[in-house]
Amino acid sequence: MSSRHDKPHRFDADMPELVTSERDQPTPGPDDRAMRELQRGSEAIVRLATQAHAAIARSDEAGAQAARQSLETQLTFTTALIDELLFGAPERSTLH
């Protein structure tokens, strides 16, 4: 066993201890549907950025431009969704 395992564990005695019921309760926040949509949008952004990178690496100008255009559209949608989640629903929802 290495010496790092022999050291005593330190903890902050002033930290409040969580009660089991507090940990089991979901934290209040945005609705699940909007959060799932944000997750999908975030994943699409990463996928499109990866596609753009791959197209540029293989000197595929048309593919890079198509990925870039899709990325721009997805970024616009996802940014609007983030604004909606942070600042409240606009008059017309971006989810519909």
Protein backbone atom coordinates (compact mmCIF):
# COMPACT_ATOMS: atom_id res chain seq x y z
CA MET A 1 0.00 0.00 0.00
CA SER A 2 1.36 3.42 -0.86
CA SER A 3 2.01 6.08 1.74
CA ARG A 4 -0.74 8.29 0.35
CA HIS A 5 -3.32 5.80 1.62
CA ASP A 6 -1.92 5.92 5.13
CA LYS A 7 -2.63 9.61 5.63
CA PRO A 8 -5.62 10.49 7.79
CA HIS A 9 -8.60 11.91 5.92
CA ARG A 10 -9.40 15.51 6.76
CA PHE A 11 -12.87 16.96 6.65
CA ASP A 12 -14.53 20.22 7.48
CA ALA A 13 -16.48 19.80 10.70
CA ASP A 14 -18.28 23.10 10.06
CA MET A 15 -19.95 21.81 6.89
CA PRO A 16 -23.63 20.98 7.41
CA GLU A 17 -24.45 17.30 7.05
CA LEU A 18 -27.03 16.45 4.41
CA VAL A 19 -30.03 14.53 5.58
CA THR A 20 -30.97 11.60 3.35
CA SER A 21 -34.35 13.08 2.50
CA GLU A 22 -32.68 16.28 1.24
CA ARG A 23 -30.45 14.32 -1.15
CA ASP A 24 -33.33 12.26 -2.52
CA GLN A 25 -35.41 15.25 -3.51
CA PRO A 26 -34.91 16.73 -6.97
CA THR A 27 -33.62 20.27 -7.06
CA PRO A 28 -36.07 22.80 -8.40
CA GLY A 29 -35.22 24.02 -11.88
CA PRO A 30 -36.19 24.07 -15.51
CA ASP A 31 -38.64 21.50 -16.80
CA ASP A 32 -37.35 18.14 -17.99
CA ARG A 33 -38.51 18.60 -21.59
CA ALA A 34 -36.55 21.83 -22.04
CA MET A 35 -33.47 20.32 -20.42
CA ARG A 36 -33.64 17.28 -22.72
CA GLU A 37 -33.95 19.62 -25.69
CA LEU A 38 -30.92 21.58 -24.46
CA GLN A 39 -28.96 18.34 -24.09
CA ARG A 40 -29.84 17.28 -27.65
CA GLY A 41 -28.92 20.72 -28.96
CA SER A 42 -25.57 20.65 -27.17
CA GLU A 43 -24.79 17.20 -28.55
CA ALA A 44 -25.72 18.36 -32.06
CA ILE A 45 -23.34 21.33 -31.73
CA VAL A 46 -20.46 19.05 -30.81
CA ARG A 47 -21.33 16.64 -33.64
CA LEU A 48 -21.54 19.45 -36.22
CA ALA A 49 -18.30 21.03 -35.04
CA THR A 50 -16.63 17.62 -35.38
CA GLN A 51 -18.04 17.25 -38.89
CA ALA A 52 -16.73 20.69 -39.84
CA HIS A 53 -13.31 19.82 -38.45
CA ALA A 54 -13.19 16.54 -40.38
CA ALA A 55 -14.30 18.23 -43.61
CA ILE A 56 -11.63 20.92 -43.27
CA ALA A 57 -9.00 18.28 -42.48
CA ARG A 58 -9.80 16.45 -45.73
CA SER A 59 -10.03 19.74 -47.68
CA ASP A 60 -13.74 19.23 -48.37
CA GLU A 61 -14.85 22.82 -48.80
CA ALA A 62 -18.47 21.95 -49.63
CA GLY A 63 -18.76 19.62 -46.64
CA ALA A 64 -17.18 22.18 -44.33
CA GLN A 65 -19.55 24.88 -45.55
CA ALA A 66 -22.59 22.63 -45.08
CA ALA A 67 -21.47 21.70 -41.55
CA ARG A 68 -20.78 25.35 -40.78
CA GLN A 69 -24.26 26.41 -41.92
CA SER A 70 -25.92 23.68 -39.87
CA LEU A 71 -23.74 24.59 -36.89
CA GLU A 72 -24.75 28.23 -37.15
CA THR A 73 -28.45 27.28 -37.24
CA GLN A 74 -28.08 24.91 -34.28
CA LEU A 75 -26.15 27.50 -32.26
CA THR A 76 -28.89 30.05 -32.86
CA PHE A 77 -31.58 27.62 -31.72
CA THR A 78 -29.62 26.42 -28.67
CA THR A 79 -28.70 29.95 -27.61
CA ALA A 80 -32.38 30.94 -27.78
CA LEU A 81 -33.27 27.91 -25.67
CA ILE A 82 -30.64 28.85 -23.07
CA ASP A 83 -32.04 32.38 -22.95
CA GLU A 84 -35.54 30.97 -22.50
CA LEU A 85 -34.41 28.73 -19.64
CA LEU A 86 -32.48 31.53 -17.93
CA PHE A 87 -34.76 34.48 -18.49
CA GLY A 88 -38.22 32.96 -18.95
CA ALA A 89 -40.35 31.94 -21.86
CA PRO A 90 -40.60 34.40 -24.70
CA GLU A 91 -43.97 35.17 -26.24
CA ARG A 92 -43.37 32.44 -28.83
CA SER A 93 -41.56 29.38 -27.57
CA THR A 94 -38.48 28.24 -29.50
CA LEU A 95 -39.43 24.63 -28.77
CA HIS A 96 -42.41 24.62 -31.13
